[in-house]
N, C-alpha and C. Protein backbone atom coordinates (compact mmCIF):
# COMPACT_ATOMS: atom_id res chain seq x y z
N MET A 1 8.85 108.36 -44.86
CA MET A 1 7.92 108.10 -43.79
C MET A 1 7.23 106.77 -43.96
N LYS A 2 6.92 106.50 -45.23
CA LYS A 2 6.26 105.24 -45.49
C LYS A 2 7.14 104.06 -45.13
N LYS A 3 8.43 104.18 -45.40
CA LYS A 3 9.36 103.10 -45.06
C LYS A 3 9.46 102.93 -43.56
N LEU A 4 9.50 104.00 -42.82
CA LEU A 4 9.57 103.92 -41.37
C LEU A 4 8.34 103.24 -40.81
N THR A 5 7.20 103.52 -41.36
CA THR A 5 5.95 102.90 -40.91
C THR A 5 5.97 101.40 -41.20
N GLN A 6 6.50 101.03 -42.35
CA GLN A 6 6.59 99.60 -42.70
C GLN A 6 7.54 98.87 -41.75
N ILE A 7 8.64 99.49 -41.42
CA ILE A 7 9.60 98.87 -40.51
C ILE A 7 8.99 98.70 -39.13
N LEU A 8 8.32 99.74 -38.64
CA LEU A 8 7.66 99.63 -37.33
C LEU A 8 6.55 98.59 -37.35
N HIS A 9 5.82 98.53 -38.46
CA HIS A 9 4.72 97.58 -38.59
C HIS A 9 5.26 96.14 -38.58
N ARG A 10 6.38 95.92 -39.25
CA ARG A 10 7.02 94.59 -39.25
C ARG A 10 7.50 94.22 -37.86
N ALA A 11 8.07 95.15 -37.14
CA ALA A 11 8.58 94.89 -35.80
C ALA A 11 7.44 94.50 -34.86
N ILE A 12 6.31 95.15 -35.03
CA ILE A 12 5.16 94.84 -34.18
C ILE A 12 4.57 93.49 -34.57
N ARG A 13 4.57 93.13 -35.86
CA ARG A 13 3.98 91.91 -36.37
C ARG A 13 4.83 90.68 -36.08
N GLN A 14 6.09 90.83 -35.76
CA GLN A 14 6.95 89.67 -35.54
C GLN A 14 6.40 88.85 -34.39
N GLU A 15 6.29 87.56 -34.69
CA GLU A 15 5.75 86.67 -33.67
C GLU A 15 6.84 85.69 -33.27
N GLY A 16 6.80 85.24 -32.04
CA GLY A 16 7.74 84.25 -31.52
C GLY A 16 6.97 83.26 -30.68
N PHE A 17 7.70 82.45 -29.96
CA PHE A 17 7.07 81.47 -29.09
C PHE A 17 6.79 82.11 -27.74
N SER A 18 5.62 81.84 -27.23
CA SER A 18 5.30 82.34 -25.89
C SER A 18 5.92 81.42 -24.85
N LEU A 19 5.95 81.87 -23.64
CA LEU A 19 6.52 81.08 -22.56
C LEU A 19 5.76 79.78 -22.36
N ILE A 20 4.47 79.81 -22.51
CA ILE A 20 3.64 78.60 -22.35
C ILE A 20 3.98 77.58 -23.42
N GLU A 21 4.14 78.03 -24.66
CA GLU A 21 4.50 77.11 -25.74
C GLU A 21 5.85 76.46 -25.49
N VAL A 22 6.79 77.23 -25.02
CA VAL A 22 8.12 76.69 -24.72
C VAL A 22 8.03 75.66 -23.60
N LEU A 23 7.28 75.96 -22.54
CA LEU A 23 7.14 75.02 -21.42
C LEU A 23 6.46 73.72 -21.86
N ILE A 24 5.45 73.82 -22.70
CA ILE A 24 4.76 72.62 -23.20
C ILE A 24 5.70 71.77 -24.04
N SER A 25 6.49 72.39 -24.89
CA SER A 25 7.43 71.63 -25.72
C SER A 25 8.50 70.96 -24.86
N ILE A 26 8.98 71.64 -23.84
CA ILE A 26 9.97 71.04 -22.94
C ILE A 26 9.36 69.85 -22.20
N ALA A 27 8.10 69.96 -21.77
CA ALA A 27 7.41 68.85 -21.09
C ALA A 27 7.27 67.66 -22.02
N LEU A 28 6.93 67.87 -23.28
CA LEU A 28 6.80 66.77 -24.23
C LEU A 28 8.13 66.07 -24.47
N ILE A 29 9.17 66.85 -24.61
CA ILE A 29 10.50 66.27 -24.80
C ILE A 29 10.92 65.47 -23.56
N ALA A 30 10.62 65.98 -22.37
CA ALA A 30 10.96 65.28 -21.13
C ALA A 30 10.23 63.95 -21.04
N ILE A 31 8.96 63.92 -21.42
CA ILE A 31 8.20 62.67 -21.39
C ILE A 31 8.81 61.65 -22.36
N ALA A 32 9.20 62.08 -23.53
CA ALA A 32 9.83 61.19 -24.50
C ALA A 32 11.15 60.65 -23.96
N LEU A 33 11.95 61.50 -23.33
CA LEU A 33 13.23 61.06 -22.78
C LEU A 33 13.06 60.09 -21.62
N ILE A 34 12.03 60.28 -20.81
CA ILE A 34 11.77 59.35 -19.71
C ILE A 34 11.42 57.98 -20.27
N GLY A 35 10.63 57.94 -21.32
CA GLY A 35 10.30 56.67 -21.96
C GLY A 35 11.53 55.98 -22.51
N LEU A 36 12.43 56.74 -23.11
CA LEU A 36 13.68 56.16 -23.63
C LEU A 36 14.56 55.66 -22.50
N ALA A 37 14.59 56.36 -21.39
CA ALA A 37 15.40 55.93 -20.25
C ALA A 37 14.88 54.61 -19.69
N GLN A 38 13.57 54.45 -19.61
CA GLN A 38 12.99 53.19 -19.14
C GLN A 38 13.31 52.06 -20.11
N LEU A 39 13.23 52.34 -21.39
CA LEU A 39 13.56 51.33 -22.39
C LEU A 39 15.02 50.91 -22.28
N PHE A 40 15.90 51.85 -22.06
CA PHE A 40 17.33 51.55 -21.89
C PHE A 40 17.55 50.67 -20.66
N THR A 41 16.90 51.00 -19.55
CA THR A 41 17.03 50.21 -18.33
C THR A 41 16.54 48.79 -18.53
N MET A 42 15.42 48.65 -19.20
CA MET A 42 14.89 47.30 -19.46
C MET A 42 15.83 46.50 -20.35
N SER A 43 16.45 47.13 -21.31
CA SER A 43 17.36 46.40 -22.20
C SER A 43 18.62 45.97 -21.45
N VAL A 44 19.11 46.80 -20.55
CA VAL A 44 20.28 46.41 -19.74
C VAL A 44 19.94 45.21 -18.87
N MET A 45 18.76 45.21 -18.24
CA MET A 45 18.35 44.08 -17.41
C MET A 45 18.18 42.81 -18.23
N SER A 46 17.63 42.92 -19.42
CA SER A 46 17.48 41.76 -20.30
C SER A 46 18.83 41.20 -20.71
N ASN A 47 19.78 42.07 -20.99
CA ASN A 47 21.13 41.62 -21.35
C ASN A 47 21.80 40.90 -20.19
N LEU A 48 21.62 41.40 -18.97
CA LEU A 48 22.21 40.73 -17.81
C LEU A 48 21.60 39.35 -17.61
N ARG A 49 20.29 39.26 -17.77
CA ARG A 49 19.61 37.97 -17.60
C ARG A 49 20.06 36.99 -18.70
N ALA A 50 20.17 37.46 -19.93
CA ALA A 50 20.62 36.60 -21.03
C ALA A 50 22.05 36.14 -20.80
N ASN A 51 22.89 37.00 -20.26
CA ASN A 51 24.26 36.62 -19.94
C ASN A 51 24.29 35.53 -18.88
N GLN A 52 23.43 35.64 -17.89
CA GLN A 52 23.38 34.64 -16.83
C GLN A 52 22.93 33.28 -17.39
N PHE A 53 21.92 33.29 -18.25
CA PHE A 53 21.45 32.03 -18.84
C PHE A 53 22.50 31.40 -19.75
N SER A 54 23.18 32.20 -20.54
CA SER A 54 24.19 31.64 -21.45
C SER A 54 25.39 31.11 -20.67
N THR A 55 25.78 31.77 -19.60
CA THR A 55 26.88 31.26 -18.78
C THR A 55 26.49 29.96 -18.10
N ALA A 56 25.25 29.88 -17.59
CA ALA A 56 24.78 28.66 -16.95
C ALA A 56 24.73 27.50 -17.95
N THR A 57 24.29 27.79 -19.16
CA THR A 57 24.25 26.75 -20.20
C THR A 57 25.66 26.29 -20.55
N PHE A 58 26.59 27.20 -20.62
CA PHE A 58 27.98 26.85 -20.87
C PHE A 58 28.52 25.94 -19.76
N LEU A 59 28.19 26.25 -18.51
CA LEU A 59 28.67 25.43 -17.39
C LEU A 59 28.09 24.02 -17.44
N CYS A 60 26.83 23.88 -17.85
CA CYS A 60 26.24 22.55 -18.04
C CYS A 60 26.98 21.78 -19.13
N GLN A 61 27.14 22.42 -20.25
CA GLN A 61 27.79 21.76 -21.38
C GLN A 61 29.24 21.40 -21.06
N GLN A 62 29.91 22.26 -20.33
CA GLN A 62 31.29 22.00 -19.93
C GLN A 62 31.38 20.73 -19.09
N GLN A 63 30.47 20.56 -18.15
CA GLN A 63 30.48 19.38 -17.28
C GLN A 63 30.16 18.11 -18.08
N ILE A 64 29.20 18.19 -18.97
CA ILE A 64 28.86 17.02 -19.78
C ILE A 64 30.02 16.65 -20.70
N ASP A 65 30.65 17.64 -21.30
CA ASP A 65 31.81 17.37 -22.16
C ASP A 65 32.93 16.72 -21.36
N TYR A 66 33.14 17.19 -20.14
CA TYR A 66 34.17 16.59 -19.28
C TYR A 66 33.86 15.12 -19.01
N MET A 67 32.60 14.83 -18.66
CA MET A 67 32.25 13.44 -18.34
C MET A 67 32.35 12.54 -19.57
N ARG A 68 32.13 13.08 -20.74
CA ARG A 68 32.25 12.28 -21.97
C ARG A 68 33.70 11.91 -22.28
N THR A 69 34.65 12.64 -21.72
CA THR A 69 36.06 12.32 -21.96
C THR A 69 36.57 11.23 -21.02
N LEU A 70 35.79 10.88 -20.01
CA LEU A 70 36.25 9.91 -19.02
C LEU A 70 36.08 8.48 -19.52
N THR A 71 36.95 7.62 -19.02
CA THR A 71 36.85 6.19 -19.33
C THR A 71 35.73 5.58 -18.48
N PRO A 72 35.26 4.38 -18.82
CA PRO A 72 34.22 3.74 -18.00
C PRO A 72 34.63 3.58 -16.54
N THR A 73 35.89 3.29 -16.28
CA THR A 73 36.37 3.14 -14.90
C THR A 73 36.29 4.47 -14.17
N GLU A 74 36.71 5.54 -14.83
CA GLU A 74 36.65 6.87 -14.22
C GLU A 74 35.21 7.31 -13.98
N LEU A 75 34.32 6.97 -14.91
CA LEU A 75 32.91 7.30 -14.72
C LEU A 75 32.33 6.59 -13.51
N ASP A 76 32.75 5.33 -13.29
CA ASP A 76 32.25 4.57 -12.15
C ASP A 76 32.76 5.14 -10.83
N LEU A 77 33.88 5.83 -10.85
CA LEU A 77 34.45 6.39 -9.63
C LEU A 77 33.81 7.73 -9.24
N LEU A 78 33.06 8.34 -10.14
CA LEU A 78 32.41 9.62 -9.83
C LEU A 78 31.33 9.42 -8.77
N PRO A 79 31.20 10.38 -7.85
CA PRO A 79 30.11 10.28 -6.87
C PRO A 79 28.75 10.44 -7.55
N VAL A 80 27.71 9.88 -6.94
CA VAL A 80 26.36 9.94 -7.51
C VAL A 80 25.86 11.38 -7.58
N ILE A 81 26.23 12.20 -6.61
CA ILE A 81 25.87 13.62 -6.62
C ILE A 81 27.13 14.45 -6.42
N GLN A 82 27.40 15.31 -7.38
CA GLN A 82 28.51 16.26 -7.25
C GLN A 82 27.90 17.65 -7.09
N ASP A 83 28.28 18.33 -6.04
CA ASP A 83 27.74 19.66 -5.75
C ASP A 83 28.92 20.62 -5.64
N GLU A 84 28.94 21.63 -6.49
CA GLU A 84 30.07 22.56 -6.47
C GLU A 84 29.59 23.99 -6.68
N GLN A 85 30.32 24.91 -6.07
CA GLN A 85 30.08 26.33 -6.26
C GLN A 85 31.15 26.84 -7.21
N ILE A 86 30.73 27.66 -8.17
CA ILE A 86 31.64 28.08 -9.23
C ILE A 86 31.79 29.59 -9.24
N ASP A 87 33.05 30.03 -9.27
CA ASP A 87 33.39 31.44 -9.41
C ASP A 87 33.82 31.65 -10.86
N VAL A 88 32.94 32.18 -11.68
CA VAL A 88 33.18 32.28 -13.12
C VAL A 88 34.27 33.29 -13.44
N ASN A 89 34.22 34.45 -12.84
CA ASN A 89 35.15 35.52 -13.20
C ASN A 89 36.32 35.69 -12.22
N LEU A 90 36.51 34.72 -11.34
CA LEU A 90 37.65 34.68 -10.42
C LEU A 90 37.78 35.94 -9.56
N ASP A 91 36.65 36.42 -9.04
CA ASP A 91 36.67 37.59 -8.16
C ASP A 91 36.40 37.20 -6.70
N ASN A 92 36.56 35.92 -6.39
CA ASN A 92 36.33 35.38 -5.05
C ASN A 92 34.88 35.51 -4.59
N THR A 93 33.96 35.64 -5.54
CA THR A 93 32.53 35.62 -5.26
C THR A 93 31.93 34.49 -6.08
N MET A 94 31.29 33.55 -5.40
CA MET A 94 30.72 32.41 -6.11
C MET A 94 29.49 32.87 -6.92
N ASP A 95 29.48 32.51 -8.21
CA ASP A 95 28.46 32.99 -9.12
C ASP A 95 27.36 31.97 -9.39
N PHE A 96 27.68 30.68 -9.34
CA PHE A 96 26.73 29.64 -9.66
C PHE A 96 26.95 28.42 -8.77
N ARG A 97 25.90 27.61 -8.68
CA ARG A 97 25.99 26.32 -8.00
C ARG A 97 25.63 25.26 -9.04
N ARG A 98 26.56 24.32 -9.27
CA ARG A 98 26.35 23.28 -10.27
C ARG A 98 26.22 21.93 -9.56
N ILE A 99 25.13 21.25 -9.82
CA ILE A 99 24.88 19.94 -9.23
C ILE A 99 24.80 18.93 -10.37
N THR A 100 25.63 17.89 -10.28
CA THR A 100 25.64 16.82 -11.27
C THR A 100 25.14 15.55 -10.60
N THR A 101 24.15 14.91 -11.21
CA THR A 101 23.63 13.65 -10.66
C THR A 101 23.86 12.53 -11.67
N ILE A 102 24.06 11.33 -11.15
CA ILE A 102 24.30 10.17 -11.99
C ILE A 102 23.31 9.08 -11.61
N GLN A 103 22.61 8.54 -12.60
CA GLN A 103 21.79 7.35 -12.41
C GLN A 103 22.53 6.21 -13.10
N ARG A 104 23.27 5.46 -12.32
CA ARG A 104 24.17 4.45 -12.87
C ARG A 104 23.43 3.34 -13.63
N ASN A 105 22.26 2.95 -13.17
CA ASN A 105 21.55 1.87 -13.86
C ASN A 105 21.11 2.27 -15.27
N LEU A 106 20.93 3.55 -15.51
CA LEU A 106 20.53 4.05 -16.83
C LEU A 106 21.67 4.71 -17.59
N ASN A 107 22.81 4.85 -16.95
CA ASN A 107 23.94 5.62 -17.51
C ASN A 107 23.51 7.03 -17.88
N TYR A 108 22.65 7.62 -17.04
CA TYR A 108 22.10 8.94 -17.30
C TYR A 108 22.78 9.96 -16.39
N TYR A 109 23.29 11.01 -17.00
CA TYR A 109 24.02 12.06 -16.28
C TYR A 109 23.25 13.37 -16.47
N LYS A 110 22.95 14.03 -15.36
CA LYS A 110 22.17 15.27 -15.41
C LYS A 110 22.92 16.37 -14.68
N VAL A 111 22.95 17.55 -15.30
CA VAL A 111 23.64 18.70 -14.73
C VAL A 111 22.63 19.83 -14.55
N LEU A 112 22.60 20.40 -13.35
CA LEU A 112 21.73 21.53 -13.02
C LEU A 112 22.59 22.70 -12.56
N VAL A 113 22.28 23.90 -13.01
CA VAL A 113 23.02 25.10 -12.58
C VAL A 113 22.03 26.09 -11.98
N PHE A 114 22.35 26.54 -10.77
CA PHE A 114 21.49 27.44 -10.01
C PHE A 114 22.21 28.76 -9.71
N PRO A 115 21.44 29.81 -9.43
CA PRO A 115 22.05 31.10 -9.06
C PRO A 115 22.56 31.06 -7.62
N PRO A 116 23.32 32.06 -7.20
CA PRO A 116 23.88 32.09 -5.84
C PRO A 116 22.82 32.10 -4.75
N SER A 117 21.61 32.52 -5.05
CA SER A 117 20.57 32.55 -4.03
C SER A 117 20.20 31.15 -3.54
N GLN A 118 20.64 30.12 -4.25
CA GLN A 118 20.31 28.75 -3.87
C GLN A 118 21.47 28.02 -3.18
N PHE A 119 22.47 28.75 -2.74
CA PHE A 119 23.61 28.11 -2.06
C PHE A 119 23.21 27.41 -0.77
N SER A 120 22.25 27.97 -0.06
CA SER A 120 21.88 27.41 1.25
C SER A 120 20.80 26.33 1.16
N THR A 121 20.22 26.12 -0.01
CA THR A 121 19.18 25.11 -0.17
C THR A 121 19.82 23.73 -0.30
N ALA A 122 19.17 22.73 0.29
CA ALA A 122 19.71 21.37 0.25
C ALA A 122 19.74 20.87 -1.20
N ALA A 123 20.78 20.11 -1.52
CA ALA A 123 20.95 19.60 -2.88
C ALA A 123 19.79 18.70 -3.29
N GLY A 124 19.30 17.88 -2.38
CA GLY A 124 18.18 17.00 -2.69
C GLY A 124 16.93 17.76 -3.08
N THR A 125 16.68 18.86 -2.41
CA THR A 125 15.53 19.70 -2.73
C THR A 125 15.68 20.31 -4.12
N LEU A 126 16.88 20.77 -4.42
CA LEU A 126 17.12 21.37 -5.74
C LEU A 126 16.98 20.33 -6.85
N ILE A 127 17.42 19.11 -6.59
CA ILE A 127 17.34 18.07 -7.61
C ILE A 127 15.88 17.69 -7.89
N LEU A 128 15.08 17.61 -6.84
CA LEU A 128 13.68 17.21 -6.99
C LEU A 128 12.80 18.31 -7.59
N GLN A 129 13.10 19.55 -7.28
CA GLN A 129 12.28 20.67 -7.76
C GLN A 129 13.15 21.79 -8.35
N PRO A 130 13.79 21.54 -9.47
CA PRO A 130 14.71 22.55 -10.01
C PRO A 130 14.01 23.84 -10.46
N VAL A 131 12.85 23.73 -11.08
CA VAL A 131 12.17 24.92 -11.60
C VAL A 131 11.69 25.81 -10.45
N ALA A 132 11.22 25.19 -9.38
CA ALA A 132 10.75 25.96 -8.23
C ALA A 132 11.88 26.72 -7.54
N HIS A 133 13.12 26.32 -7.81
CA HIS A 133 14.28 26.94 -7.17
C HIS A 133 15.15 27.70 -8.17
N GLN A 134 14.53 28.22 -9.22
CA GLN A 134 15.18 29.14 -10.17
C GLN A 134 16.36 28.52 -10.91
N VAL A 135 16.21 27.29 -11.39
CA VAL A 135 17.29 26.68 -12.16
C VAL A 135 17.56 27.56 -13.39
N LYS A 136 18.82 27.82 -13.67
CA LYS A 136 19.19 28.66 -14.82
C LYS A 136 19.46 27.81 -16.06
N ALA A 137 19.92 26.57 -15.86
CA ALA A 137 20.15 25.67 -16.99
C ALA A 137 20.15 24.24 -16.47
N GLN A 138 19.66 23.34 -17.31
CA GLN A 138 19.71 21.92 -16.97
C GLN A 138 19.87 21.12 -18.24
N MET A 139 20.73 20.11 -18.17
CA MET A 139 21.00 19.25 -19.32
C MET A 139 21.18 17.84 -18.81
N GLY A 140 20.80 16.91 -19.65
CA GLY A 140 20.99 15.51 -19.34
C GLY A 140 21.51 14.78 -20.56
N THR A 141 22.23 13.69 -20.31
CA THR A 141 22.77 12.91 -21.41
C THR A 141 22.96 11.47 -20.95
N ILE A 142 23.02 10.57 -21.92
CA ILE A 142 23.34 9.17 -21.65
C ILE A 142 24.73 8.95 -22.22
N ILE A 143 25.59 8.37 -21.39
CA ILE A 143 26.95 8.08 -21.82
C ILE A 143 27.13 6.57 -21.81
N GLN A 144 27.29 5.99 -22.98
CA GLN A 144 27.49 4.54 -23.11
C GLN A 144 28.92 4.28 -23.56
N ARG A 145 29.55 3.32 -22.97
CA ARG A 145 30.91 2.93 -23.37
C ARG A 145 30.90 1.47 -23.76
C-alpha cells in the first residue's frame, strides 16, 4: 500500500510546462528569428551594393588601361567625351553608363561610371555633378607620351 501511495504521489507531483509558458517561449524564439531574418536581408543588400561598386570600379580601370595602351596618335583621335552604355552580363539589359572625358591641354583622362537610372540624364550634367547623380566610380589619370 505504501508503494502505491508513493507512485500516486509522484504522478500528482510531476510538473510540466503550462500552455502559457510554451506560448511565451515560442514568442521569444519568433522575435529572435525575425531579428535574424532582418540581418540576413541587410547583408544581402550590402553584398549587392558592394558588387555594384566593385564592377563600376573595374569598368573605370578597364577604360584607363585601354587608353594607356594607345599611341599618342590614337589618343589624339579619341573624342573629347565618350558616352557608352555597358551590358556587363550580356543579358541585353544595360547595367552601367560609362562616360570618359579628355582634357587635351592637360593630358588628363577621367572616367565616370553611373547606374542605369542615369541613362536619360544629359552627359554634361553628369560630368559637372557626378556625386549628385549617384556616380558609382570615378577615376582620373594623366597619360604622357
